[in-house]
N, C-alpha and C. Protein backbone atom coordinates (compact mmCIF):
# COMPACT_ATOMS: atom_id res chain seq x y z
N UNK A 1 -26.37 -3.77 26.37
CA UNK A 1 -27.50 -3.97 25.31
C UNK A 1 -28.61 -3.89 26.73
N UNK A 2 -29.35 -2.99 26.22
CA UNK A 2 -30.93 -2.72 27.07
C UNK A 2 -31.52 -4.06 27.26
N UNK A 3 -32.12 -4.17 28.34
CA UNK A 3 -33.31 -4.75 28.86
C UNK A 3 -33.96 -5.13 27.56
N UNK A 4 -34.79 -6.28 27.05
CA UNK A 4 -35.58 -6.75 26.40
C UNK A 4 -36.79 -7.54 26.92
N UNK A 5 -37.69 -7.10 26.37
CA UNK A 5 -39.75 -7.85 26.46
C UNK A 5 -39.18 -9.29 26.21
N UNK A 6 -38.97 -10.15 26.86
CA UNK A 6 -38.83 -11.58 26.54
C UNK A 6 -40.45 -11.95 26.26
N UNK A 7 -41.71 -11.47 26.59
CA UNK A 7 -42.69 -11.91 26.65
C UNK A 7 -43.44 -11.52 24.89
N UNK A 8 -43.09 -10.23 24.90
CA UNK A 8 -43.62 -10.14 23.09
C UNK A 8 -42.19 -10.96 21.91
N UNK A 9 -41.36 -10.87 22.26
CA UNK A 9 -40.10 -11.16 21.52
C UNK A 9 -39.84 -10.16 20.36
N UNK A 10 -39.82 -9.07 20.50
CA UNK A 10 -39.53 -8.18 19.35
C UNK A 10 -38.82 -7.36 20.13
N UNK A 11 -37.59 -6.61 19.42
CA UNK A 11 -36.48 -5.82 19.75
C UNK A 11 -37.08 -4.36 19.15
N UNK A 12 -36.84 -3.20 20.26
CA UNK A 12 -36.89 -2.27 19.46
C UNK A 12 -35.79 -1.45 18.70
N UNK A 13 -36.28 -0.71 17.67
CA UNK A 13 -35.31 -0.40 16.92
C UNK A 13 -33.89 0.09 17.26
N UNK A 14 -33.71 0.70 18.34
CA UNK A 14 -32.23 0.75 18.76
C UNK A 14 -31.73 -0.62 19.12
N UNK A 15 -32.36 -1.33 19.94
CA UNK A 15 -32.07 -2.63 19.88
C UNK A 15 -30.95 -3.51 19.07
N UNK A 16 -32.32 -3.21 18.30
CA UNK A 16 -32.06 -3.89 16.73
C UNK A 16 -30.82 -3.29 15.78
N UNK A 17 -30.67 -2.09 15.81
CA UNK A 17 -29.44 -1.88 14.90
C UNK A 17 -28.51 -1.89 16.15
N UNK A 18 -28.15 -2.12 17.38
CA UNK A 18 -27.13 -2.52 18.55
C UNK A 18 -26.86 -3.90 18.20
N UNK A 19 -27.87 -4.43 17.87
CA UNK A 19 -27.64 -6.16 17.53
C UNK A 19 -26.93 -6.34 16.29
N UNK A 20 -27.72 -5.54 15.34
CA UNK A 20 -27.18 -5.98 14.22
C UNK A 20 -25.61 -5.48 14.16
N UNK A 21 -25.43 -4.24 14.43
CA UNK A 21 -23.75 -3.50 14.21
C UNK A 21 -22.71 -5.00 15.49
N UNK A 22 -23.03 -5.01 16.72
CA UNK A 22 -22.16 -6.27 17.02
C UNK A 22 -21.97 -7.66 16.09
N UNK A 23 -23.07 -7.73 15.18
CA UNK A 23 -23.14 -9.23 14.59
C UNK A 23 -21.87 -8.99 13.43
N UNK A 24 -22.29 -7.45 13.10
CA UNK A 24 -21.43 -7.45 12.21
C UNK A 24 -19.65 -7.09 12.36
N UNK A 25 -19.53 -6.63 13.34
CA UNK A 25 -17.88 -6.22 14.10
C UNK A 25 -17.72 -7.98 14.38
N UNK A 26 -18.30 -8.55 14.70
CA UNK A 26 -18.19 -10.31 15.26
C UNK A 26 -17.67 -10.54 14.07
N UNK A 27 -18.69 -10.36 12.67
CA UNK A 27 -18.31 -11.33 11.53
C UNK A 27 -17.04 -10.71 11.01
N UNK A 28 -16.77 -9.77 10.72
CA UNK A 28 -15.56 -9.07 10.23
C UNK A 28 -14.26 -9.46 10.95
N UNK A 29 -14.60 -9.44 12.23
CA UNK A 29 -13.44 -9.80 13.39
C UNK A 29 -13.36 -11.12 13.19
N UNK A 30 -13.57 -12.51 12.93
CA UNK A 30 -13.90 -13.56 12.33
C UNK A 30 -13.75 -13.90 11.49
N UNK A 31 -13.54 -13.50 10.41
CA UNK A 31 -13.91 -13.65 8.90
C UNK A 31 -13.67 -15.27 8.26
N UNK A 32 -12.60 -15.92 9.19
CA UNK A 32 -11.92 -17.25 9.07
C UNK A 32 -13.50 -18.45 9.59
N UNK A 33 -14.31 -17.74 10.01
CA UNK A 33 -15.71 -18.65 10.36
C UNK A 33 -16.13 -18.37 9.32
N UNK A 34 -16.13 -18.03 8.40
CA UNK A 34 -17.38 -17.82 7.08
C UNK A 34 -16.60 -17.14 6.04
N UNK A 35 -15.51 -17.51 5.47
CA UNK A 35 -14.54 -16.93 4.38
C UNK A 35 -15.46 -16.50 3.11
N UNK A 36 -16.15 -17.49 2.69
CA UNK A 36 -16.96 -17.23 1.86
C UNK A 36 -18.73 -16.40 2.08
N UNK A 37 -18.54 -16.14 3.01
CA UNK A 37 -20.03 -15.43 2.86
C UNK A 37 -20.23 -13.81 3.04
N UNK A 38 -21.13 -13.45 2.57
CA UNK A 38 -21.12 -11.42 2.51
C UNK A 38 -22.03 -11.30 3.34
N UNK A 39 -21.98 -10.04 4.50
CA UNK A 39 -22.34 -9.64 5.62
C UNK A 39 -23.85 -9.09 5.00
N UNK A 40 -23.69 -8.21 3.84
CA UNK A 40 -25.00 -7.63 3.75
C UNK A 40 -26.47 -8.95 3.11
N UNK A 41 -25.98 -10.18 2.77
CA UNK A 41 -27.10 -10.82 2.53
C UNK A 41 -27.51 -11.89 3.73
N UNK A 42 -26.25 -11.67 4.71
CA UNK A 42 -27.06 -12.30 6.08
C UNK A 42 -27.64 -11.20 6.59
N UNK A 43 -27.29 -10.00 6.56
CA UNK A 43 -28.48 -8.94 7.60
C UNK A 43 -29.49 -8.59 6.49
N UNK A 44 -29.50 -8.89 5.50
CA UNK A 44 -30.63 -8.82 4.86
C UNK A 44 -31.62 -10.10 5.14
N UNK A 45 -31.39 -11.21 5.30
CA UNK A 45 -31.84 -12.10 6.27
C UNK A 45 -32.54 -11.67 7.44
N UNK A 46 -31.43 -11.48 8.16
CA UNK A 46 -32.16 -10.92 9.52
C UNK A 46 -33.13 -10.08 9.91
N UNK A 47 -33.06 -8.99 8.86
CA UNK A 47 -33.92 -7.74 8.88
C UNK A 47 -35.43 -8.55 8.78
N UNK A 48 -35.61 -9.42 7.52
CA UNK A 48 -36.66 -10.15 7.01
C UNK A 48 -37.11 -11.31 7.99
N UNK A 49 -36.04 -11.33 9.27
CA UNK A 49 -36.52 -12.79 10.09
C UNK A 49 -37.01 -11.67 11.56
N UNK A 50 -37.57 -10.81 11.87
CA UNK A 50 -37.16 -10.10 13.63
C UNK A 50 -37.41 -11.09 14.46
N UNK A 51 -38.10 -12.08 14.54
CA UNK A 51 -37.90 -13.35 15.31
C UNK A 51 -36.93 -13.88 15.73
N UNK A 52 -36.06 -14.27 14.70
CA UNK A 52 -34.55 -14.64 14.51
C UNK A 52 -33.61 -13.72 15.12
N UNK A 53 -33.79 -12.26 14.93
CA UNK A 53 -33.19 -11.51 15.92
C UNK A 53 -33.30 -11.20 16.99
N UNK A 54 -34.90 -11.66 17.75
CA UNK A 54 -34.99 -11.58 18.78
C UNK A 54 -34.11 -12.78 19.59
N UNK A 55 -33.99 -13.89 18.80
CA UNK A 55 -33.35 -15.08 19.35
C UNK A 55 -31.66 -14.68 19.27
N UNK A 56 -31.15 -13.95 18.70
CA UNK A 56 -29.65 -13.61 18.50
C UNK A 56 -29.39 -12.77 19.46
N UNK A 57 -30.47 -11.45 19.70
CA UNK A 57 -30.48 -10.82 21.06
C UNK A 57 -30.27 -11.80 22.37
N UNK A 58 -31.36 -12.70 22.11
CA UNK A 58 -31.16 -13.42 23.45
C UNK A 58 -29.75 -14.09 23.71
N UNK A 59 -29.68 -14.69 22.58
CA UNK A 59 -27.96 -15.55 22.57
C UNK A 59 -26.76 -14.56 23.08
N UNK A 60 -27.01 -13.01 22.29
CA UNK A 60 -25.90 -12.07 22.81
C UNK A 60 -25.93 -11.84 24.22
N UNK A 61 -27.29 -11.57 24.74
CA UNK A 61 -27.77 -11.19 25.70
C UNK A 61 -26.92 -12.04 27.48
N UNK A 62 -27.50 -13.48 26.88
CA UNK A 62 -26.69 -14.98 28.28
C UNK A 62 -25.39 -15.10 27.83
N UNK A 63 -24.37 -13.92 26.95
CA UNK A 63 -22.99 -14.32 26.73
C UNK A 63 -22.46 -14.91 25.78
N UNK A 64 -23.42 -15.42 24.68
CA UNK A 64 -23.11 -16.70 23.97
C UNK A 64 -21.87 -15.79 22.43
N UNK A 65 -22.28 -14.99 22.53
CA UNK A 65 -21.54 -14.17 21.20
C UNK A 65 -21.48 -14.91 19.81
N UNK A 66 -23.13 -14.98 19.71
CA UNK A 66 -23.34 -15.99 18.62
C UNK A 66 -23.18 -15.30 17.29
N UNK A 67 -22.24 -16.20 16.11
CA UNK A 67 -21.53 -15.76 15.07
C UNK A 67 -22.20 -17.02 13.73
N UNK A 68 -21.90 -16.38 12.60
CA UNK A 68 -22.34 -17.26 11.36
C UNK A 68 -21.13 -18.30 11.43
N UNK A 69 -21.78 -19.21 11.31
CA UNK A 69 -20.79 -20.84 11.27
C UNK A 69 -21.00 -21.61 10.14
N UNK A 70 -22.06 -21.51 9.39
CA UNK A 70 -22.01 -22.36 7.95
C UNK A 70 -23.37 -21.82 7.17
N UNK A 71 -23.65 -22.64 6.26
CA UNK A 71 -24.23 -21.92 5.00
C UNK A 71 -24.48 -22.84 4.16
N UNK A 72 -26.44 -23.26 4.10
CA UNK A 72 -27.05 -24.03 3.72
C UNK A 72 -27.22 -23.67 2.34
N UNK A 73 -26.44 -23.85 1.37
CA UNK A 73 -27.13 -23.42 -0.27
C UNK A 73 -28.46 -23.54 -0.32
N UNK A 74 -28.80 -24.95 -0.50
CA UNK A 74 -30.06 -25.35 -0.85
C UNK A 74 -31.27 -25.20 -0.31
N UNK A 75 -31.19 -24.69 1.19
CA UNK A 75 -31.78 -24.18 1.86
C UNK A 75 -31.70 -22.61 2.42
N UNK A 76 -30.66 -22.04 1.33
CA UNK A 76 -30.82 -20.78 1.57
C UNK A 76 -30.50 -20.38 2.97
N UNK A 77 -30.05 -21.07 4.00
CA UNK A 77 -30.16 -20.72 5.28
C UNK A 77 -28.65 -20.79 5.90
N UNK A 78 -28.49 -19.12 6.54
CA UNK A 78 -27.04 -19.45 7.52
C UNK A 78 -27.63 -19.98 9.16
N UNK A 79 -26.29 -20.47 9.77
CA UNK A 79 -26.42 -21.08 10.68
C UNK A 79 -25.01 -20.24 11.39
N UNK A 80 -26.06 -19.69 12.70
CA UNK A 80 -25.72 -18.73 13.60
C UNK A 80 -25.33 -19.98 15.06
N UNK A 81 -24.27 -19.86 15.55
CA UNK A 81 -23.80 -20.45 16.73
C UNK A 81 -23.39 -19.64 17.61
N UNK A 82 -23.19 -20.17 18.93
CA UNK A 82 -22.60 -19.55 20.24
C UNK A 82 -20.86 -19.49 20.34
N UNK A 83 -20.49 -18.56 20.00
CA UNK A 83 -18.90 -18.72 19.79
C UNK A 83 -17.98 -18.00 20.57
N UNK A 84 -18.62 -17.99 22.11
CA UNK A 84 -17.95 -17.47 23.31
C UNK A 84 -17.20 -18.51 23.39
N UNK A 85 -15.67 -17.87 24.13
CA UNK A 85 -14.60 -19.04 24.66
C UNK A 85 -15.19 -20.25 24.82
N UNK A 86 -15.83 -19.66 26.15
CA UNK A 86 -16.60 -20.87 27.20
C UNK A 86 -17.89 -20.88 26.99
N UNK A 87 -18.27 -21.72 27.40
CA UNK A 87 -20.08 -22.05 27.60
C UNK A 87 -20.49 -20.83 28.41
N UNK A 88 -21.42 -20.36 27.98
CA UNK A 88 -21.91 -18.71 27.60
C UNK A 88 -22.48 -18.80 29.34
N UNK A 89 -21.92 -17.83 29.86
CA UNK A 89 -21.83 -17.47 31.04
C UNK A 89 -23.23 -17.34 32.10
N UNK A 90 -24.24 -16.86 30.84
CA UNK A 90 -25.64 -16.60 31.59
C UNK A 90 -26.73 -17.87 31.03
N UNK A 91 -25.84 -18.95 31.06
CA UNK A 91 -26.77 -20.16 30.68
C UNK A 91 -25.77 -21.41 31.43
N UNK A 92 -25.16 -20.71 32.69
CA UNK A 92 -24.38 -21.91 33.42
C UNK A 92 -25.49 -22.49 34.35
N UNK A 93 -25.05 -23.12 34.88
CA UNK A 93 -25.62 -23.96 36.17
C UNK A 93 -26.96 -24.71 36.08
N UNK A 94 -27.08 -25.08 35.27
CA UNK A 94 -28.62 -25.47 34.45
C UNK A 94 -28.10 -26.69 34.73
N UNK A 95 -29.87 -27.42 34.65
CA UNK A 95 -29.53 -29.19 34.46
C UNK A 95 -30.12 -29.04 33.16
N UNK A 96 -30.03 -30.33 32.59
CA UNK A 96 -30.63 -30.77 31.38
C UNK A 96 -31.69 -30.47 30.95
N UNK A 97 -33.18 -30.81 31.47
CA UNK A 97 -34.27 -30.60 30.77
C UNK A 97 -35.21 -30.35 31.79
N UNK A 98 -36.54 -29.41 31.41
CA UNK A 98 -37.49 -29.43 32.41
C UNK A 98 -37.92 -30.57 33.31
N UNK A 99 -37.92 -31.96 32.65
CA UNK A 99 -38.39 -32.67 33.23
C UNK A 99 -37.07 -33.45 34.60
N UNK A 100 -35.70 -32.99 34.17
CA UNK A 100 -34.90 -33.45 35.77
C UNK A 100 -34.77 -32.08 36.70
N UNK A 101 -35.58 -31.03 35.82
CA UNK A 101 -35.36 -29.44 36.53
C UNK A 101 -36.37 -30.04 37.57
N UNK A 102 -37.42 -30.92 37.39
CA UNK A 102 -38.74 -30.80 38.18
C UNK A 102 -38.75 -31.91 39.01
N UNK A 103 -37.88 -32.77 38.61
CA UNK A 103 -37.45 -34.16 39.26
C UNK A 103 -36.59 -33.89 40.45
N UNK A 104 -36.16 -32.50 40.48
CA UNK A 104 -35.10 -32.46 42.10
C UNK A 104 -35.83 -31.76 43.04
N UNK A 105 -35.76 -32.34 43.78
CA UNK A 105 -36.03 -31.94 45.42
C UNK A 105 -35.55 -31.08 45.87
N UNK A 106 -34.14 -31.08 46.29
CA UNK A 106 -33.54 -29.74 47.32
C UNK A 106 -32.58 -29.37 45.67
N UNK A 107 -32.04 -28.04 46.28
CA UNK A 107 -31.14 -27.43 45.51
C UNK A 107 -31.35 -27.19 43.93
N UNK A 108 -32.65 -27.00 43.85
CA UNK A 108 -32.84 -26.81 42.44
C UNK A 108 -32.03 -25.66 41.55
N UNK A 109 -31.69 -26.09 40.39
CA UNK A 109 -31.22 -25.01 39.38
C UNK A 109 -32.57 -23.84 39.29
N UNK A 110 -31.76 -22.61 38.84
CA UNK A 110 -33.03 -21.64 38.37
C UNK A 110 -33.53 -22.37 37.25
N UNK A 111 -32.70 -23.25 36.12
CA UNK A 111 -33.46 -23.56 35.12
C UNK A 111 -32.82 -24.63 34.40
N UNK A 112 -33.42 -24.93 33.09
CA UNK A 112 -32.77 -26.00 32.52
C UNK A 112 -31.86 -25.62 31.06
N UNK A 113 -31.07 -26.56 30.57
CA UNK A 113 -30.60 -26.13 28.90
C UNK A 113 -31.93 -25.90 28.03
N UNK A 114 -32.20 -27.41 27.60
CA UNK A 114 -33.56 -27.49 26.84
C UNK A 114 -34.64 -26.38 26.95
N UNK A 115 -35.12 -26.20 28.40
CA UNK A 115 -36.03 -25.23 28.79
C UNK A 115 -35.49 -24.04 28.67
N UNK A 116 -34.36 -23.67 28.47
CA UNK A 116 -33.70 -22.14 28.11
C UNK A 116 -33.35 -22.02 26.95
N UNK A 117 -32.94 -22.86 25.76
CA UNK A 117 -33.38 -23.02 24.68
C UNK A 117 -34.57 -22.68 24.03
N UNK A 118 -35.43 -23.49 24.37
CA UNK A 118 -37.24 -23.20 23.76
C UNK A 118 -37.45 -21.87 24.10
N UNK A 119 -37.15 -21.43 25.09
CA UNK A 119 -37.61 -19.97 25.47
C UNK A 119 -36.88 -18.94 24.97
N UNK A 120 -35.39 -19.48 24.10
CA UNK A 120 -34.65 -18.46 23.08
C UNK A 120 -35.00 -18.77 21.84
N UNK A 121 -35.54 -19.91 21.62
CA UNK A 121 -35.96 -20.32 20.38
C UNK A 121 -34.76 -20.65 19.24
N UNK A 122 -33.55 -21.12 20.40
CA UNK A 122 -32.81 -21.97 19.46
C UNK A 122 -32.41 -23.61 20.14
N UNK A 123 -31.69 -24.27 19.33
CA UNK A 123 -31.52 -25.55 19.53
C UNK A 123 -30.08 -25.63 20.15
N UNK A 124 -30.15 -26.63 21.24
CA UNK A 124 -29.02 -26.91 21.64
C UNK A 124 -27.89 -28.02 20.72
N UNK A 125 -26.93 -28.07 20.48
CA UNK A 125 -25.87 -28.43 20.23
C UNK A 125 -26.24 -30.05 19.71
N UNK A 126 -25.39 -30.71 18.79
CA UNK A 126 -25.70 -32.25 18.75
C UNK A 126 -24.39 -32.71 19.03
N UNK A 127 -23.89 -33.74 19.27
CA UNK A 127 -22.44 -34.04 19.31
C UNK A 127 -22.04 -34.00 18.01
N UNK A 128 -22.25 -34.01 16.80
CA UNK A 128 -21.88 -34.17 15.83
C UNK A 128 -21.49 -32.37 15.58
N UNK A 129 -22.45 -31.52 15.96
CA UNK A 129 -22.22 -30.07 15.70
C UNK A 129 -21.11 -29.69 16.25
N UNK A 130 -20.84 -30.40 17.69
CA UNK A 130 -20.07 -29.93 18.94
C UNK A 130 -18.99 -30.24 18.73
N UNK A 131 -18.45 -31.54 17.82
CA UNK A 131 -17.32 -31.74 17.14
C UNK A 131 -16.97 -30.74 15.93
N UNK A 132 -17.95 -30.79 15.33
CA UNK A 132 -17.39 -29.53 14.02
C UNK A 132 -17.43 -28.56 14.34
N UNK A 133 -18.26 -27.83 15.34
CA UNK A 133 -17.65 -26.35 15.90
C UNK A 133 -15.82 -26.28 16.53
N UNK A 134 -16.10 -27.19 17.24
CA UNK A 134 -14.78 -26.97 17.85
C UNK A 134 -13.62 -27.13 16.53
N UNK A 135 -13.82 -27.54 15.21
CA UNK A 135 -12.79 -27.22 14.39
C UNK A 135 -12.54 -25.86 14.24
N UNK A 136 -13.61 -25.00 14.79
CA UNK A 136 -12.93 -23.52 14.42
C UNK A 136 -12.19 -23.02 14.99
N UNK A 137 -11.55 -23.19 16.36
CA UNK A 137 -11.00 -22.70 17.66
C UNK A 137 -10.77 -23.89 18.57
N UNK A 138 -10.21 -23.26 19.56
CA UNK A 138 -10.20 -23.87 21.27
C UNK A 138 -11.62 -23.17 21.82
N UNK A 139 -12.44 -23.98 22.32
CA UNK A 139 -13.44 -23.47 22.83
C UNK A 139 -13.82 -24.63 24.45
N UNK A 140 -14.51 -24.11 25.27
CA UNK A 140 -14.81 -25.40 26.41
C UNK A 140 -13.54 -25.96 26.74
N UNK A 141 -12.51 -25.08 27.40
CA UNK A 141 -11.56 -25.73 27.64
C UNK A 141 -10.98 -25.46 29.17
N UNK A 142 -11.95 -24.62 29.99
CA UNK A 142 -12.31 -24.81 31.41
C UNK A 142 -13.74 -24.82 31.47
N UNK A 143 -14.83 -25.00 30.55
CA UNK A 143 -16.50 -25.24 30.80
C UNK A 143 -16.55 -26.42 30.20
N UNK A 144 -17.85 -26.91 30.10
CA UNK A 144 -18.57 -28.00 29.33
C UNK A 144 -19.88 -27.82 28.98
N UNK A 145 -20.62 -28.19 27.88
CA UNK A 145 -22.05 -27.73 27.38
C UNK A 145 -22.78 -28.52 27.42
N UNK A 146 -23.77 -28.83 27.65
CA UNK A 146 -24.96 -30.10 27.79
C UNK A 146 -25.21 -30.17 25.78
N UNK A 147 -25.24 -31.49 25.63
CA UNK A 147 -25.52 -31.48 24.08
C UNK A 147 -27.04 -32.22 24.08
N UNK A 148 -27.56 -31.88 23.12
CA UNK A 148 -29.10 -33.47 22.64
C UNK A 148 -28.27 -34.56 22.69
N UNK A 149 -29.36 -34.82 23.82
CA UNK A 149 -29.21 -36.50 24.05
C UNK A 149 -30.29 -37.22 23.84
N UNK A 150 -29.63 -38.31 23.04
CA UNK A 150 -30.77 -39.51 22.16
C UNK A 150 -31.73 -39.85 23.41
N UNK A 151 -32.92 -40.46 23.18
CA UNK A 151 -34.41 -40.66 23.90
C UNK A 151 -33.78 -41.97 24.96
N UNK A 152 -32.94 -42.96 24.51
CA UNK A 152 -32.79 -44.16 24.70
C UNK A 152 -31.66 -43.59 26.27
N UNK A 153 -30.80 -42.39 25.99
CA UNK A 153 -29.93 -42.23 27.24
C UNK A 153 -30.99 -41.36 28.60
N UNK A 154 -31.87 -40.45 27.63
CA UNK A 154 -32.63 -39.50 28.21
C UNK A 154 -33.78 -40.33 29.33
N UNK A 155 -34.40 -41.63 28.37
CA UNK A 155 -35.13 -42.34 28.93
C UNK A 155 -34.66 -43.14 30.49
N UNK A 156 -33.13 -43.11 30.63
CA UNK A 156 -32.58 -43.63 31.91
C UNK A 156 -32.13 -43.04 32.56
N UNK A 157 -32.46 -41.51 32.65
CA UNK A 157 -32.00 -40.50 33.48
C UNK A 157 -30.71 -39.56 33.09
N UNK A 158 -30.09 -40.33 32.15
CA UNK A 158 -28.93 -39.59 32.11
C UNK A 158 -29.04 -38.43 30.77
N UNK A 159 -27.89 -37.77 30.81
CA UNK A 159 -27.83 -36.71 29.84
C UNK A 159 -26.16 -36.17 29.16
N UNK A 160 -26.01 -35.87 28.23
CA UNK A 160 -24.62 -35.71 27.42
C UNK A 160 -24.23 -34.18 27.80
N UNK A 161 -22.98 -34.38 27.67
CA UNK A 161 -22.43 -32.74 27.76
C UNK A 161 -20.65 -33.10 26.79
N UNK A 162 -20.13 -31.82 26.56
CA UNK A 162 -19.14 -32.44 25.61
C UNK A 162 -18.10 -31.33 26.11
N UNK A 163 -16.77 -31.26 26.21
CA UNK A 163 -16.12 -30.46 26.52
C UNK A 163 -14.49 -30.35 25.93
N UNK A 164 -13.73 -29.94 25.62
CA UNK A 164 -12.27 -29.88 24.93
C UNK A 164 -11.31 -29.68 25.84
N UNK A 165 -10.28 -30.97 25.81
CA UNK A 165 -9.12 -31.12 26.61
C UNK A 165 -7.84 -31.79 25.83
N UNK A 166 -7.00 -30.95 26.24
CA UNK A 166 -5.94 -31.96 25.68
C UNK A 166 -5.95 -31.98 24.19
N UNK A 167 -6.32 -31.04 23.59
CA UNK A 167 -6.60 -31.23 22.14
C UNK A 167 -7.34 -31.87 21.54
N UNK A 168 -8.51 -32.48 22.30
CA UNK A 168 -9.55 -33.47 21.87
C UNK A 168 -10.99 -32.89 22.62
N UNK A 169 -12.24 -32.93 21.47
CA UNK A 169 -13.40 -33.17 22.00
C UNK A 169 -13.41 -34.27 22.84
N UNK A 170 -14.26 -34.38 23.75
CA UNK A 170 -14.57 -35.33 24.70
C UNK A 170 -16.12 -35.61 24.91
N UNK A 171 -16.73 -36.81 25.00
CA UNK A 171 -18.30 -36.57 25.20
C UNK A 171 -17.96 -37.44 26.53
N UNK A 172 -19.44 -36.75 27.36
CA UNK A 172 -19.40 -37.37 28.63
C UNK A 172 -21.31 -37.79 29.26
N UNK A 173 -21.53 -38.18 30.21
CA UNK A 173 -22.81 -38.28 30.55
C UNK A 173 -22.45 -38.14 32.03
N UNK A 174 -24.04 -37.61 32.29
CA UNK A 174 -24.06 -37.31 33.70
C UNK A 174 -25.43 -37.44 33.85
N UNK A 175 -26.35 -37.59 35.11
CA UNK A 175 -27.66 -37.53 35.42
C UNK A 175 -28.29 -36.22 34.67
N UNK A 176 -28.86 -36.19 34.72
CA UNK A 176 -29.53 -35.26 33.68
C UNK A 176 -29.99 -34.40 34.78
N UNK A 177 -30.52 -34.16 35.85
CA UNK A 177 -30.65 -33.37 37.15
C UNK A 177 -29.53 -32.12 37.54
N UNK A 178 -28.38 -33.14 36.89
CA UNK A 178 -27.00 -32.78 37.81
C UNK A 178 -26.65 -31.28 37.53
N UNK A 179 -26.41 -30.34 37.91
CA UNK A 179 -25.85 -28.52 37.16
C UNK A 179 -24.56 -28.50 37.99
N UNK A 180 -23.87 -28.06 37.22
CA UNK A 180 -22.36 -27.47 37.58
C UNK A 180 -22.51 -25.93 37.10
N UNK A 181 -21.28 -25.24 38.19
CA UNK A 181 -20.57 -23.84 37.91
C UNK A 181 -20.51 -23.39 36.69
N UNK A 182 -19.59 -24.53 36.18
CA UNK A 182 -18.61 -24.27 34.47
C UNK A 182 -19.85 -25.08 33.61
N UNK A 183 -20.98 -25.83 33.39
CA UNK A 183 -21.58 -26.69 32.59
C UNK A 183 -22.95 -25.27 32.27
N UNK A 184 -22.57 -25.43 31.02
CA UNK A 184 -23.87 -24.49 30.54
C UNK A 184 -24.10 -25.19 29.60
N UNK A 185 -24.57 -24.64 27.97
CA UNK A 185 -25.20 -25.21 27.08
C UNK A 185 -24.85 -23.89 26.24
N UNK A 186 -24.51 -24.55 24.57
CA UNK A 186 -24.41 -23.63 23.19
C UNK A 186 -25.48 -24.20 22.46
N UNK A 187 -26.28 -23.04 22.08
CA UNK A 187 -27.29 -23.01 20.75
C UNK A 187 -27.25 -23.04 19.45
N UNK A 188 -27.57 -23.19 18.68
CA UNK A 188 -27.69 -23.06 17.34
C UNK A 188 -29.05 -22.42 16.89
N UNK A 189 -29.02 -21.79 15.66
CA UNK A 189 -29.88 -20.66 15.12
C UNK A 189 -29.70 -20.70 13.41
N UNK A 190 -30.81 -21.31 13.13
CA UNK A 190 -30.75 -21.16 11.45
C UNK A 190 -31.73 -19.99 11.19
N UNK A 191 -31.09 -19.41 10.08
CA UNK A 191 -31.82 -18.00 9.27
C UNK A 191 -32.13 -18.00 8.00
C-alpha cells in the first residue's frame, strides 16, 4: 500500500479502493469468521465512514490484517479485529501506555500500545475480547499482545498481556514500561 498522510486521516481514492479490495478478499477467504454476514452491507458502512476506513488502513499498514469478526444487530455495528497470526509486526516493541513510555529513562521504545491505538483510532482488546478472538483460530503462538489493563493494576505500575500456548490462552502481567520484540497489541474497531 502507498504511504498515507496520517495528519489529515483521509485516504486517497486509490488507497481506499485498494484497502476495500484487500478487506473483501480477506472476508471471502475467511468466511468462517463471519458466516452470516454479507460483504456489500459491510462495504456500504465502510464507505459511509471514511474515518473508519482510515483506521482500518492503519491496522493494515502495521501488519494487523483486519477482518470482520462480529456484528451487533442492536447497534448495526460490525467489529473488525487484527487477525494476523502473530501480534502485528508493525506494533511490537512498545510499552503499555504513554505514562510508561514517559517514565523510562533509558532505552525507551519508540511508542506505546495505548498511544498507538489512540493515534490509529482503534482500541486495545480487553482480556474477554482476546479470549473470544482466540476461538477463531490459533493466534499469538510465538508472540504476545498487550490487553486493556484495569486501573487498579495500572495504578501500581503493572499492565496485562495475553498469548496462546499449549492450546490455552494465558493472561500475564509485567511492568507497564517493559517492552519486548515479540510483544505488540491487537486492536478492534467498530463500524
